[in-house]
Protein backbone atom coordinates (compact mmCIF):
# COMPACT_ATOMS: atom_id res chain seq x y z
CA MET A 1 17.60 -9.67 40.57
CA ASN A 2 14.70 -9.97 38.16
CA ARG A 3 14.69 -13.68 37.31
CA GLN A 4 11.67 -13.36 35.01
CA GLY A 5 13.75 -11.38 32.54
CA ILE A 6 16.44 -14.06 32.15
CA TYR A 7 16.32 -16.15 29.01
CA HIS A 8 18.72 -18.45 27.17
CA GLU A 9 18.04 -21.28 24.74
CA PRO A 10 20.75 -23.80 23.77
CA LYS A 11 21.27 -24.64 20.09
CA SER A 12 19.42 -21.57 18.84
CA ARG A 13 20.16 -17.94 17.95
CA TYR A 14 21.28 -17.78 21.62
CA ALA A 15 23.88 -20.53 21.19
CA TYR A 16 25.18 -21.40 17.75
CA PRO A 17 28.47 -22.31 16.02
CA TYR A 18 29.89 -19.35 14.12
CA ASP A 19 32.56 -21.49 12.47
CA LYS A 20 34.27 -24.84 12.98
CA LYS A 21 35.78 -23.90 16.35
CA THR A 22 33.85 -20.86 17.53
CA LEU A 23 30.62 -20.78 19.50
CA HIS A 24 28.50 -17.64 19.93
CA LEU A 25 26.51 -17.27 23.14
CA ARG A 26 23.77 -14.79 24.03
CA ILE A 27 21.63 -14.29 27.09
CA ARG A 28 18.74 -11.91 27.73
CA THR A 29 18.25 -10.20 31.11
CA ALA A 30 15.93 -7.54 32.46
CA LYS A 31 16.71 -3.97 31.46
CA ASP A 32 19.46 -2.35 33.58
CA ASP A 33 19.21 -5.20 36.10
CA LEU A 34 22.80 -6.49 35.97
CA ILE A 35 26.25 -4.96 36.10
CA GLN A 36 28.13 -7.96 34.71
CA VAL A 37 27.56 -11.33 33.07
CA LYS A 38 30.20 -14.04 32.77
CA VAL A 39 30.27 -17.43 31.11
CA ILE A 40 31.82 -20.43 32.84
CA ALA A 41 32.76 -23.10 30.31
CA PHE A 42 34.63 -26.39 30.09
CA ASP A 43 34.92 -29.56 28.06
CA PRO A 44 32.12 -31.92 29.20
CA TYR A 45 34.63 -34.75 29.61
CA SER A 46 36.96 -32.82 31.92
CA TYR A 47 36.95 -35.37 34.72
CA ILE A 48 39.83 -36.74 36.81
CA PRO A 49 40.00 -39.45 39.48
CA ASN A 50 40.25 -38.32 43.11
CA GLU A 51 42.18 -40.06 45.87
CA HIS A 52 39.34 -42.56 46.23
CA GLY A 53 39.40 -43.46 42.56
CA GLU A 54 36.13 -41.64 41.92
CA TRP A 55 35.76 -39.52 38.79
CA ILE A 56 35.24 -35.88 39.68
CA PHE A 57 34.92 -32.64 37.71
CA ASP A 58 38.35 -31.07 37.02
CA LEU A 59 37.88 -27.50 38.25
CA SER A 60 41.23 -26.43 36.82
CA LYS A 61 39.91 -26.91 33.25
CA ARG A 62 37.14 -24.35 33.58
CA PHE A 63 37.56 -20.99 31.85
CA PHE A 64 35.69 -17.71 32.20
CA ILE A 65 34.55 -15.22 29.54
CA GLU A 66 33.12 -11.79 30.28
CA MET A 67 30.08 -11.01 28.14
CA LYS A 68 29.41 -7.63 26.53
CA LYS A 69 26.05 -5.92 26.43
CA GLU A 70 25.37 -5.81 22.68
CA HIS A 71 21.87 -4.35 22.73
CA SER A 72 19.16 -2.95 25.00
CA ASP A 73 15.51 -2.25 24.37
CA GLU A 74 12.69 -0.99 26.56
CA LEU A 75 12.45 -4.22 28.57
CA PHE A 76 15.65 -6.22 28.18
CA ASP A 77 19.43 -6.22 27.85
CA TYR A 78 21.13 -8.68 25.50
CA TRP A 79 24.62 -9.96 26.31
CA PHE A 80 27.04 -11.62 23.89
CA CYS A 81 30.38 -13.39 23.81
CA GLU A 82 32.46 -15.59 21.52
CA VAL A 83 33.98 -18.85 22.73
CA HIS A 84 37.06 -19.32 20.56
CA GLU A 85 39.10 -22.35 19.56
CA ILE A 86 36.99 -25.14 20.98
CA ASP A 87 39.49 -27.84 20.07
CA THR A 88 37.34 -30.74 21.23
CA LEU A 89 34.28 -29.27 19.41
CA ARG A 90 32.12 -29.73 22.52
CA ILE A 91 31.41 -27.57 25.52
CA ARG A 92 29.36 -27.17 28.67
CA TYR A 93 28.60 -23.66 29.87
CA ALA A 94 26.62 -21.67 32.40
CA PHE A 95 26.22 -18.01 33.30
CA VAL A 96 27.18 -15.99 36.35
CA LEU A 97 24.86 -13.00 36.67
CA GLU A 98 25.89 -10.13 38.92
CA ASP A 99 23.93 -7.19 40.24
CA HIS A 100 24.86 -4.82 43.07
CA LEU A 101 23.72 -7.28 45.74
CA ASP A 102 24.58 -10.81 44.67
CA SER A 103 25.92 -13.23 42.06
CA MET A 104 23.52 -15.77 40.58
CA PHE A 105 24.33 -19.03 38.85
CA TYR A 106 22.12 -19.65 35.81
CA GLY A 107 22.01 -23.09 34.20
CA PRO A 108 19.41 -25.28 32.46
CA TYR A 109 17.80 -26.61 35.64
CA LEU A 110 18.08 -23.84 38.21
CA THR A 111 18.94 -20.26 38.96
CA CYS A 112 20.34 -19.74 42.42
CA SER A 113 22.50 -17.47 44.56
CA MET A 114 26.15 -18.45 44.45
CA SER A 115 26.57 -17.29 48.05
CA ALA A 116 23.78 -19.58 49.21
CA TYR A 117 25.04 -22.51 47.13
CA GLU A 118 28.79 -22.16 47.24
CA ASN A 119 29.56 -25.33 45.33
CA ILE A 120 26.91 -25.03 42.63
CA ALA A 121 29.42 -24.06 39.90
CA GLU A 122 31.54 -27.12 40.68
CA LYS A 123 28.89 -29.58 39.57
CA GLY A 124 29.11 -30.25 35.82
CA ASN A 125 25.55 -31.53 35.51
CA HIS A 126 24.17 -28.02 36.22
CA TYR A 127 25.52 -26.62 32.95
CA PHE A 128 24.04 -26.14 29.49
CA ASN A 129 25.42 -28.53 26.90
CA PHE A 130 26.55 -27.90 23.34
CA PRO A 131 27.30 -31.54 22.55
CA TYR A 132 29.35 -31.15 19.37
CA ILE A 133 30.06 -28.71 16.54
CA ASN A 134 29.22 -30.85 13.54
CA GLU A 135 30.65 -29.31 10.40
CA GLU A 136 27.74 -30.46 8.23
CA ASP A 137 25.35 -28.51 10.48
CA LEU A 138 27.20 -25.21 10.10
CA TYR A 139 25.41 -22.44 8.27
CA LYS A 140 27.13 -21.99 4.88
CA GLY A 141 26.04 -19.21 2.55
CA PRO A 142 27.60 -18.65 -0.88
CA ASP A 143 30.69 -16.50 -0.34
CA TRP A 144 30.03 -14.37 -3.41
CA VAL A 145 26.74 -13.09 -1.98
CA LYS A 146 28.48 -11.08 0.74
CA ASN A 147 30.06 -8.88 -1.94
CA SER A 148 26.96 -8.57 -4.12
CA VAL A 149 24.71 -5.65 -4.97
CA TRP A 150 21.39 -6.65 -6.53
CA TYR A 151 19.05 -5.03 -9.02
CA GLN A 152 15.42 -6.15 -9.04
CA ILE A 153 13.66 -6.11 -12.41
CA PHE A 154 9.95 -6.41 -13.13
CA PRO A 155 10.46 -7.47 -16.78
CA GLU A 156 7.21 -6.07 -18.22
CA ARG A 157 8.23 -2.54 -17.24
CA PHE A 158 12.03 -2.33 -17.53
CA HIS A 159 12.84 -1.93 -21.23
CA ARG A 160 11.21 -2.81 -24.55
CA SER A 161 13.34 -3.82 -27.49
CA ASP A 162 12.02 -3.89 -31.04
CA GLN A 163 13.98 -7.13 -31.42
CA GLY A 164 11.68 -8.75 -28.90
CA PRO A 165 8.27 -10.36 -29.50
CA GLU A 166 5.71 -8.49 -31.60
CA ILE A 167 2.68 -7.76 -29.42
CA GLN A 168 -0.41 -5.89 -30.54
CA GLY A 169 -2.14 -3.20 -28.51
CA LEU A 170 0.82 -2.12 -26.38
CA LEU A 171 0.57 1.16 -24.51
CA PRO A 172 3.20 3.75 -25.45
CA TRP A 173 6.17 3.26 -23.12
CA GLY A 174 5.74 5.21 -19.89
CA SER A 175 2.72 7.05 -21.25
CA GLU A 176 0.38 6.33 -18.35
CA GLU A 177 0.45 5.92 -14.61
CA ILE A 178 0.06 2.29 -13.53
CA VAL A 179 -3.43 1.80 -12.09
CA THR A 180 -3.78 -1.93 -12.70
CA ASN A 181 -1.45 -4.88 -13.14
CA GLU A 182 -3.01 -5.71 -16.50
CA MET A 183 -1.67 -2.63 -18.32
CA VAL A 184 0.78 -3.90 -20.94
CA PHE A 185 3.77 -1.85 -22.10
CA GLY A 186 5.83 -4.67 -23.60
CA GLY A 187 9.06 -4.90 -21.64
CA ASN A 188 11.01 -7.97 -22.76
CA LEU A 189 14.20 -9.97 -22.21
CA MET A 190 15.94 -8.59 -25.27
CA GLY A 191 15.34 -5.13 -23.87
CA ILE A 192 17.10 -6.20 -20.66
CA ILE A 193 20.03 -7.60 -22.65
CA HIS A 194 20.40 -4.21 -24.34
CA LYS A 195 20.64 -2.53 -20.93
CA LEU A 196 23.10 -4.90 -19.25
CA ASP A 197 25.91 -2.39 -19.74
CA TYR A 198 23.81 0.22 -17.94
CA ILE A 199 23.28 -2.21 -15.07
CA LYS A 200 26.99 -3.05 -14.98
CA GLN A 201 27.93 0.65 -15.06
CA LEU A 202 25.83 1.30 -11.95
CA GLY A 203 27.93 -1.33 -10.17
CA ILE A 204 25.34 -4.10 -9.96
CA THR A 205 26.62 -7.68 -9.58
CA GLY A 206 23.31 -9.57 -9.48
CA ILE A 207 19.87 -9.32 -11.09
CA TYR A 208 16.73 -10.70 -9.49
CA PHE A 209 13.86 -11.15 -11.95
CA THR A 210 10.26 -11.39 -10.85
CA PRO A 211 8.60 -14.37 -12.62
CA ILE A 212 9.22 -14.84 -16.33
CA PHE A 213 7.54 -18.21 -16.96
CA GLU A 214 4.42 -18.63 -19.08
CA SER A 215 1.41 -16.98 -17.47
CA PRO A 216 -1.69 -15.01 -18.58
CA SER A 217 -0.91 -12.04 -16.29
CA THR A 218 1.69 -9.27 -16.47
CA HIS A 219 3.09 -10.11 -13.05
CA LYS A 220 3.44 -13.85 -13.90
CA TYR A 221 2.80 -15.13 -10.37
CA ASP A 222 0.13 -17.49 -11.79
CA THR A 223 2.39 -19.90 -13.65
CA THR A 224 1.01 -21.98 -16.50
CA ASP A 225 4.26 -23.64 -17.62
CA TYR A 226 7.35 -23.59 -15.39
CA TYR A 227 9.57 -24.79 -18.24
CA LYS A 228 8.72 -22.08 -20.75
CA ILE A 229 9.61 -18.38 -20.85
CA ASP A 230 6.46 -16.35 -21.41
CA SER A 231 6.12 -15.44 -25.08
CA ALA A 232 5.53 -11.79 -24.16
CA PHE A 233 9.11 -11.67 -22.87
CA GLY A 234 10.83 -13.85 -25.47
CA ASP A 235 11.73 -17.50 -25.40
CA ASN A 236 14.04 -19.91 -23.58
CA GLU A 237 16.92 -19.19 -25.94
CA THR A 238 16.62 -15.46 -25.25
CA LEU A 239 16.93 -16.12 -21.54
CA LYS A 240 19.95 -18.32 -22.19
CA LEU A 241 21.56 -15.46 -24.12
CA LEU A 242 20.68 -13.01 -21.35
CA ILE A 243 22.33 -15.18 -18.70
CA GLU A 244 25.42 -15.70 -20.84
CA GLU A 245 25.74 -11.96 -21.47
CA ALA A 246 25.16 -11.19 -17.80
CA HIS A 247 27.85 -13.68 -16.76
CA LYS A 248 30.29 -12.08 -19.23
CA ARG A 249 29.78 -8.88 -17.24
CA GLU A 250 30.20 -10.73 -13.91
CA ILE A 251 26.50 -10.31 -13.11
CA LYS A 252 24.65 -13.17 -11.43
CA VAL A 253 21.04 -14.04 -12.31
CA MET A 254 18.35 -15.12 -9.82
CA LEU A 255 14.91 -16.32 -10.93
CA ASP A 256 11.60 -16.21 -9.06
CA GLY A 257 10.14 -19.63 -8.22
CA VAL A 258 6.41 -19.64 -7.46
CA PHE A 259 6.09 -23.03 -5.79
CA ASN A 260 3.39 -22.26 -3.25
CA HIS A 261 0.71 -22.18 -5.95
CA CYS A 262 0.30 -22.36 -9.71
CA GLY A 263 -1.91 -20.65 -12.25
CA TYR A 264 -5.41 -21.72 -13.22
CA TYR A 265 -4.22 -22.92 -16.64
CA HIS A 266 -1.43 -25.13 -15.36
CA PRO A 267 -2.01 -28.55 -17.03
CA TYR A 268 -2.19 -30.42 -13.70
CA TRP A 269 -4.97 -28.13 -12.47
CA GLN A 270 -6.80 -28.27 -15.79
CA ASP A 271 -6.73 -32.07 -15.61
CA VAL A 272 -8.31 -31.90 -12.14
CA ILE A 273 -11.03 -29.54 -13.38
CA ILE A 274 -11.94 -32.00 -16.14
CA LYS A 275 -11.60 -35.31 -14.29
CA GLY A 276 -12.13 -34.40 -10.66
CA LYS A 277 -11.00 -37.06 -8.21
CA LYS A 278 -10.15 -39.42 -11.09
CA SER A 279 -7.26 -37.16 -12.11
CA MET A 280 -3.80 -38.46 -11.22
CA TYR A 281 -3.04 -34.87 -10.13
CA TYR A 282 -6.00 -34.53 -7.75
CA ASP A 283 -3.83 -34.90 -4.64
CA CYS A 284 -1.30 -32.39 -5.97
CA PHE A 285 -3.70 -29.78 -4.55
CA TYR A 286 -5.86 -29.36 -1.45
CA ILE A 287 -9.42 -30.17 -2.53
CA ASP A 288 -12.51 -30.96 -0.47
CA GLY A 289 -14.86 -33.16 -2.48
CA ASP A 290 -14.83 -35.21 -5.65
CA GLU A 291 -14.74 -32.30 -8.10
CA ILE A 292 -14.12 -28.56 -8.28
CA HIS A 293 -17.32 -26.66 -7.41
CA VAL A 294 -16.56 -23.32 -9.10
CA LYS A 295 -15.44 -23.69 -12.73
CA ASP A 296 -16.80 -20.53 -14.36
CA GLU A 297 -13.71 -18.68 -15.56
CA ASN A 298 -15.59 -15.37 -15.54
CA ILE A 299 -15.99 -15.80 -11.80
CA ILE A 300 -12.50 -17.20 -11.24
CA PHE A 301 -10.81 -14.29 -12.97
CA SER A 302 -13.11 -11.52 -11.76
CA TYR A 303 -12.24 -9.38 -8.76
CA PRO A 304 -12.49 -11.83 -5.83
CA THR A 305 -15.30 -11.37 -3.33
CA MET A 306 -15.83 -13.13 -0.03
CA GLU A 307 -18.92 -14.76 -1.55
CA THR A 308 -16.83 -16.26 -4.37
CA ILE A 309 -14.10 -17.40 -2.01
CA SER A 310 -16.62 -19.01 0.36
CA LYS A 311 -17.86 -21.22 -2.50
CA LEU A 312 -14.41 -22.56 -3.35
CA ASN A 313 -13.64 -26.10 -2.21
CA TYR A 314 -9.92 -25.86 -2.84
CA ARG A 315 -7.14 -23.95 -1.15
CA ILE A 316 -5.74 -20.89 -2.88
CA PHE A 317 -3.04 -18.29 -2.50
CA GLY A 318 -4.37 -15.31 -0.58
CA THR A 319 -7.71 -14.35 -2.11
CA ALA A 320 -6.91 -15.46 -5.67
CA PRO A 321 -9.25 -18.22 -6.98
CA ASN A 322 -7.05 -18.50 -10.09
CA MET A 323 -4.05 -19.61 -8.01
CA PRO A 324 -4.64 -23.09 -6.48
CA LYS A 325 -2.21 -24.03 -3.75
CA TRP A 326 0.22 -26.90 -4.33
CA ASN A 327 0.26 -29.83 -1.92
CA THR A 328 4.04 -30.10 -1.74
CA SER A 329 3.86 -33.30 0.31
CA ASN A 330 2.34 -35.10 -2.67
CA PRO A 331 5.06 -37.09 -4.51
CA ILE A 332 3.94 -35.99 -7.99
CA ALA A 333 3.74 -32.30 -7.10
CA ARG A 334 7.01 -32.44 -5.17
CA ALA A 335 8.87 -34.18 -8.00
CA HIS A 336 7.49 -31.68 -10.52
CA LEU A 337 8.54 -28.58 -8.57
CA ILE A 338 11.96 -29.89 -7.62
CA HIS A 339 12.59 -30.87 -11.22
CA VAL A 340 11.71 -27.29 -12.23
CA GLY A 341 14.36 -26.06 -9.81
CA ARG A 342 16.90 -28.44 -11.31
CA TYR A 343 15.97 -27.66 -14.92
CA TRP A 344 16.91 -23.98 -14.85
CA ILE A 345 20.19 -24.70 -13.10
CA GLU A 346 21.23 -27.59 -15.33
CA ASN A 347 20.20 -26.05 -18.65
CA TYR A 348 20.55 -22.31 -18.11
CA ASN A 349 23.13 -21.97 -15.32
CA ILE A 350 21.10 -19.65 -13.11
CA ASP A 351 22.77 -18.46 -9.90
CA GLY A 352 19.85 -18.27 -7.51
CA TRP A 353 16.22 -18.97 -6.67
CA ARG A 354 13.97 -16.46 -4.96
CA LEU A 355 11.02 -18.45 -3.57
CA ASP A 356 7.64 -16.79 -3.54
CA VAL A 357 5.37 -16.91 -0.46
CA SER A 358 7.98 -19.20 1.07
CA ASN A 359 6.61 -19.08 4.61
CA GLU A 360 3.37 -20.76 3.45
CA VAL A 361 5.24 -23.82 2.13
CA SER A 362 6.33 -26.61 4.48
CA HIS A 363 9.83 -26.65 5.96
CA ASP A 364 10.00 -30.28 4.88
CA PHE A 365 9.65 -29.34 1.20
CA TRP A 366 12.25 -26.57 1.42
CA ARG A 367 14.74 -28.94 3.06
CA ALA A 368 14.29 -31.37 0.18
CA PHE A 369 14.47 -28.55 -2.36
CA ARG A 370 17.71 -27.18 -0.92
CA LYS A 371 19.43 -30.56 -0.86
CA GLU A 372 18.58 -31.17 -4.49
CA MET A 373 19.62 -27.70 -5.69
CA LYS A 374 22.88 -27.62 -3.76
CA THR A 375 23.97 -30.98 -5.18
CA LEU A 376 23.81 -29.35 -8.62
CA LYS A 377 25.36 -26.00 -7.70
CA GLU A 378 26.87 -25.67 -4.25
CA ASP A 379 27.12 -21.88 -4.38
CA LEU A 380 23.54 -21.37 -5.59
CA TYR A 381 21.85 -18.55 -3.64
CA ILE A 382 18.42 -19.55 -2.26
CA ILE A 383 16.23 -16.93 -0.59
CA GLY A 384 12.63 -16.89 0.55
CA GLU A 385 9.95 -14.23 0.48
CA ASN A 386 9.24 -13.94 4.19
CA TRP A 387 7.83 -10.69 5.59
CA ASP A 388 8.38 -11.54 9.26
CA ASN A 389 11.21 -12.84 11.39
CA SER A 390 12.70 -15.72 9.42
CA TYR A 391 15.15 -17.42 11.75
CA PRO A 392 13.41 -20.85 11.41
CA TRP A 393 14.15 -20.81 7.66
CA VAL A 394 17.83 -19.75 7.74
CA GLN A 395 19.51 -22.33 9.97
CA GLY A 396 21.51 -23.87 7.13
CA ASP A 397 18.96 -26.47 6.05
CA GLN A 398 16.55 -24.41 3.92
CA PHE A 399 17.42 -20.89 2.73
CA ASP A 400 20.65 -18.91 2.53
CA GLY A 401 18.70 -15.73 3.23
CA VAL A 402 15.34 -14.01 2.91
CA MET A 403 13.98 -10.83 1.39
CA ASN A 404 14.64 -8.64 4.39
CA TYR A 405 11.32 -6.90 4.99
CA GLU A 406 12.16 -6.77 8.69
CA LEU A 407 15.01 -4.35 8.05
CA LEU A 408 12.99 -2.45 5.44
CA ASN A 409 10.31 -1.75 8.04
CA VAL A 410 12.82 -0.62 10.65
CA ILE A 411 14.45 1.86 8.24
CA TRP A 412 11.17 3.07 6.74
CA ASN A 413 9.67 3.72 10.16
CA PHE A 414 12.64 5.89 11.10
CA ILE A 415 13.11 7.87 7.89
CA GLY A 416 9.69 7.64 6.23
CA VAL A 417 6.83 10.06 6.70
CA GLU A 418 3.96 9.45 9.08
CA ASP A 419 1.20 8.96 6.50
CA ILE A 420 3.22 6.14 4.91
CA ARG A 421 4.68 4.43 8.00
CA GLU A 422 4.53 4.39 11.76
CA LYS A 423 7.01 7.04 12.84
CA TYR A 424 9.99 5.95 14.97
CA SER A 425 12.03 8.30 17.12
CA VAL A 426 15.76 7.64 17.04
CA LYS A 427 15.43 5.73 20.33
CA MET A 428 12.69 3.51 18.89
CA PHE A 429 14.78 2.99 15.75
CA VAL A 430 17.81 1.83 17.72
CA GLU A 431 15.70 -0.56 19.80
CA ALA A 432 13.97 -2.01 16.73
CA LEU A 433 17.25 -2.34 14.83
CA GLY A 434 18.88 -4.07 17.79
CA ASN A 435 15.95 -6.46 18.25
CA TYR A 436 16.13 -7.39 14.59
CA THR A 437 19.90 -7.92 14.78
CA VAL A 438 19.93 -10.14 17.86
CA ASN A 439 17.18 -12.28 16.34
CA TYR A 440 19.70 -13.76 13.90
CA PRO A 441 23.06 -15.46 14.31
CA LYS A 442 25.81 -13.09 13.20
CA ASN A 443 27.05 -15.39 10.44
CA ILE A 444 23.64 -15.27 8.73
CA LEU A 445 23.27 -11.48 8.59
CA PRO A 446 25.61 -10.91 5.58
CA PHE A 447 23.50 -13.24 3.43
CA LEU A 448 20.12 -11.57 3.95
CA PHE A 449 18.68 -9.89 0.86
CA ASN A 450 18.35 -6.27 1.98
CA MET A 451 15.99 -4.09 0.00
CA VAL A 452 14.33 -0.79 0.87
CA ASP A 453 11.61 -1.14 -1.73
CA SER A 454 10.33 -3.91 -4.02
CA HIS A 455 7.59 -4.74 -6.52
CA ASP A 456 5.29 -5.37 -3.53
CA THR A 457 5.89 -2.08 -1.67
CA ALA A 458 5.92 1.66 -2.14
CA ARG A 459 8.99 3.14 -3.81
CA VAL A 460 11.69 4.81 -1.73
CA MET A 461 10.82 8.25 -3.12
CA THR A 462 7.16 7.70 -2.18
CA VAL A 463 8.12 6.65 1.34
CA SER A 464 10.31 9.79 1.46
CA GLN A 465 7.37 11.90 0.16
CA GLY A 466 9.53 13.05 -2.74
CA ASP A 467 12.32 14.33 -0.49
CA ILE A 468 15.60 13.15 -2.03
CA ARG A 469 17.43 13.92 1.22
CA LYS A 470 15.36 11.30 3.06
CA ALA A 471 15.80 8.84 0.21
CA LYS A 472 19.58 9.17 0.56
CA LEU A 473 19.36 8.49 4.29
CA ILE A 474 17.35 5.33 3.59
CA TYR A 475 19.95 4.05 1.12
CA LEU A 476 22.85 5.01 3.38
CA LEU A 477 21.44 2.90 6.21
CA GLN A 478 20.75 0.04 3.80
CA PHE A 479 24.36 -0.01 2.56
CA ILE A 480 26.12 0.17 5.92
CA LEU A 481 23.97 -2.41 7.72
CA PRO A 482 24.79 -6.12 7.27
CA GLY A 483 23.29 -7.88 4.29
CA SER A 484 23.39 -7.94 0.50
CA PRO A 485 21.72 -4.71 -0.73
CA SER A 486 19.21 -4.60 -3.58
CA ILE A 487 17.92 -1.69 -5.65
CA MET A 488 14.50 -1.82 -7.30
CA TYR A 489 14.83 -0.88 -10.98
CA GLY A 490 14.08 2.80 -11.51
CA SER A 491 14.42 3.79 -7.87
CA GLU A 492 17.90 5.01 -8.77
CA ILE A 493 16.22 7.71 -10.88
CA GLY A 494 13.50 8.53 -8.37
CA LEU A 495 10.51 6.57 -9.71
CA LYS A 496 7.53 6.80 -7.37
CA GLY A 497 4.51 4.64 -6.68
CA ASN A 498 2.78 2.41 -4.18
CA PHE A 499 2.40 -1.35 -4.87
CA GLU A 500 0.88 -1.68 -8.38
CA SER A 501 1.67 1.93 -9.26
CA ALA A 502 5.26 1.26 -8.14
CA ARG A 503 5.66 -1.09 -11.12
CA GLY A 504 6.09 1.80 -13.53
CA CYS A 505 8.12 1.96 -16.73
CA MET A 506 11.84 2.58 -16.44
CA ILE A 507 12.90 5.77 -18.18
CA PHE A 508 16.15 5.86 -20.13
CA ASN A 509 17.33 9.19 -21.54
CA GLU A 510 20.36 11.47 -21.53
CA ASN A 511 19.65 12.46 -17.91
CA THR A 512 19.24 8.95 -16.43
CA GLU A 513 22.83 8.62 -15.23
CA LYS A 514 22.90 12.24 -14.05
CA HIS A 515 20.09 11.83 -11.55
CA PRO A 516 21.38 12.64 -8.05
CA LEU A 517 20.13 9.34 -6.63
CA TYR A 518 21.89 7.42 -9.41
CA VAL A 519 25.13 9.30 -8.70
CA PHE A 520 24.77 8.71 -4.96
CA LEU A 521 24.02 4.99 -5.31
CA LYS A 522 26.86 4.46 -7.76
CA GLU A 523 29.20 6.05 -5.23
CA LEU A 524 27.80 3.94 -2.38
CA ILE A 525 28.18 0.76 -4.41
CA ASP A 526 31.76 1.63 -5.29
CA TYR A 527 32.71 2.18 -1.64
CA ARG A 528 30.99 -1.04 -0.61
CA LYS A 529 32.94 -3.01 -3.21
CA LYS A 530 36.30 -1.52 -2.29
CA HIS A 531 36.01 -1.48 1.51
CA GLU A 532 35.01 -4.52 3.53
CA VAL A 533 34.16 -2.30 6.49
CA PHE A 534 30.94 -1.46 4.57
CA ARG A 535 30.14 -5.18 4.22
CA THR A 536 31.03 -6.51 7.67
CA GLU A 537 28.14 -7.53 9.92
CA ALA A 538 29.64 -5.79 12.97
CA TYR A 539 28.40 -2.30 13.80
CA ARG A 540 27.81 -0.35 16.97
CA ILE A 541 25.59 2.56 17.93
CA GLU A 542 28.20 4.96 19.25
CA GLU A 543 25.80 7.69 20.31
CA ILE A 544 22.12 8.63 20.18
CA PHE A 545 21.16 12.30 20.03
CA GLN A 546 17.58 11.92 21.15
CA GLU A 547 16.47 15.54 21.06
CA LYS A 548 18.07 15.97 17.63
CA ASN A 549 16.60 12.67 16.32
CA SER A 550 20.12 11.81 15.20
CA ILE A 551 22.43 8.83 15.43
CA PHE A 552 26.16 8.13 15.21
CA ILE A 553 27.09 4.63 13.94
CA VAL A 554 30.59 3.14 13.85
CA LYS A 555 31.85 0.10 11.93
CA THR A 556 35.32 -1.38 12.22
CA PHE A 557 37.10 -4.01 10.16
CA GLY A 558 40.83 -4.56 10.43
CA GLU A 559 42.55 -1.21 9.88
CA GLU A 560 39.40 0.46 8.54
CA ASN A 561 36.95 2.56 10.54
CA LEU A 562 33.68 3.85 9.14
CA TYR A 563 31.87 6.68 10.92
CA VAL A 564 28.30 7.61 9.96
CA LEU A 565 26.42 10.53 11.52
CA ILE A 566 22.78 10.95 10.45
CA ASN A 567 20.55 13.94 11.18
CA ASN A 568 16.99 12.75 10.68
CA SER A 569 15.27 15.94 11.79
CA HIS A 570 13.75 19.08 10.27
CA GLU A 571 16.44 21.33 11.77
CA LYS A 572 20.15 21.98 11.48
CA HIS A 573 22.20 20.70 14.41
CA ASP A 574 25.73 20.83 15.77
CA TYR A 575 27.43 17.64 17.05
CA GLN A 576 30.58 16.92 19.00
CA VAL A 577 31.93 13.67 17.56
CA LEU A 578 35.37 12.39 16.61
CA GLY A 579 36.98 15.20 18.57
CA LYS A 580 35.49 17.92 16.39
CA GLU A 581 32.32 19.94 15.90
CA ILE A 582 30.23 18.90 12.92
CA GLN A 583 27.21 20.83 11.65
CA LEU A 584 24.57 19.03 9.63
CA ASP A 585 21.63 20.46 7.73
CA GLU A 586 18.20 18.89 8.13
CA PHE A 587 17.98 15.32 6.77
CA SER A 588 21.66 15.06 6.00
CA TYR A 589 24.67 12.97 6.93
CA TYR A 590 28.41 12.93 7.56
CA VAL A 591 30.38 9.85 6.53
CA ARG A 592 34.07 9.39 7.27
CA LEU A 593 36.28 6.47 6.26
CA ASN A 594 39.33 6.45 8.55
CA ASN A 595 40.52 10.08 8.35
CA ARG A 596 38.80 11.03 5.10
CA GLU A 597 35.31 12.47 4.70
CA ILE A 598 33.43 10.69 1.91
CA LEU A 599 29.96 10.75 0.34
CA SER A 600 29.37 14.49 0.17
CA PHE A 601 25.69 15.46 0.37
């Protein structure tokens, strides 16, 4: 038995409470090394007196659970089981690992052969301990999120209403390809209000706005005033109207909070520039020295060079000298940012915060932020912008979810073209998908914010190299895998672009709602709303057709069964599944709900 491959960690994604009386356990072992894994478990206070009056472990109170292999990759197998109805809310457990030669006992202090140490499993002190399921420590996401479908809007480029602010020098709407962020077309909040019925008609239940607070840029990630809607978009009252109108249509609204850094013209930063270390806001930022060394705005706002950055004596976001980084441990900065979070909930009834560059801000600040926000609105949805594995942020004390770039990468690498992404075979896709899935507790997966493009990535149609068949496969995977799906505005009508060029103008005309991607997504959304089998976190890879680069996925919930067969290859193929022969064209799919074929290609 390969002992080096064995891994378990108590009170982690390998051992966590799923609900008030259910514990989930996982263990990792070497690939194809074991034939069976069992859990031995008991209440840690299961002791009885023997004939000598000594307290001994009550063997009759132990129970055994057979684990199932839930995932395998190139190196490891991952085993899983549920421990139900833990009435005392506490448990000790260990693992019995079996290969063709022996059974091994695996606990926190030793791994040993059960034949060599016959009584090892009878000693309670050799077991892992889950001391107590405390209800206040349970992960709790807002229930409404599990049923949500999001629509991401970059306000400057979604829709321009003549009832919005008058701005001189605007480019004609959609007249030019986006080559720089600073191109201004004049999208505004009133324009979004006028298109809420369109958003509702698509089936959307939540809108995520990129930043809308006062800022000199079009992207607004360099905030000047967190309490004021940027005048290019409208004013605070316009946002209030937008939220009220969205709520009338049962659409939630999530704002973008840029709390890692602020803009150069934020009043706190301006005070520091003028007064240096004498400013009461000096320690709101990370500064080395008594004053700011580089103050020339022509340099600050020019294209950053390594020479410019090397002269800065303050910390910044990325390579942006015009975005000084907040010191969120400073009481003044912390109070300011948390009050901003409160303000938009208390006065405008927002439903969520998306937190920019969240992995660069301290866990301590996010814990304080969450506590404050949840006291105001318990079902507020809080997500972070994390591009990597985010388990440390979603354990119930910081975020409800994250922008799920992990899943985006897994799907893109399978469906996307080689010059855009690394190309996964179906085997690599299944391994990557499984690794992502087992990296999170199952009760967290439904609350992750699943997108397949965003304002910071290429568009789906660009990743698909203009092939609408591949785009449909990307969206199909997004909608059947666990999480709350999001559509980037305009991707439903096939907008293309990569990063800045992806932030193009939305086009509304008589053909918008006839676009095949719009029709497909509307149908997907409708099925997801009506059938919980689409939304459940449980799925299984029923079969991999390696030579055909194809996959058969099954989801089950109650009486419903969802069957999804995907052909991700350049050739037609025949498949024997569900007791019948199915032929699929290149880059196509077969989806069946119970006994009915749905989602025709």
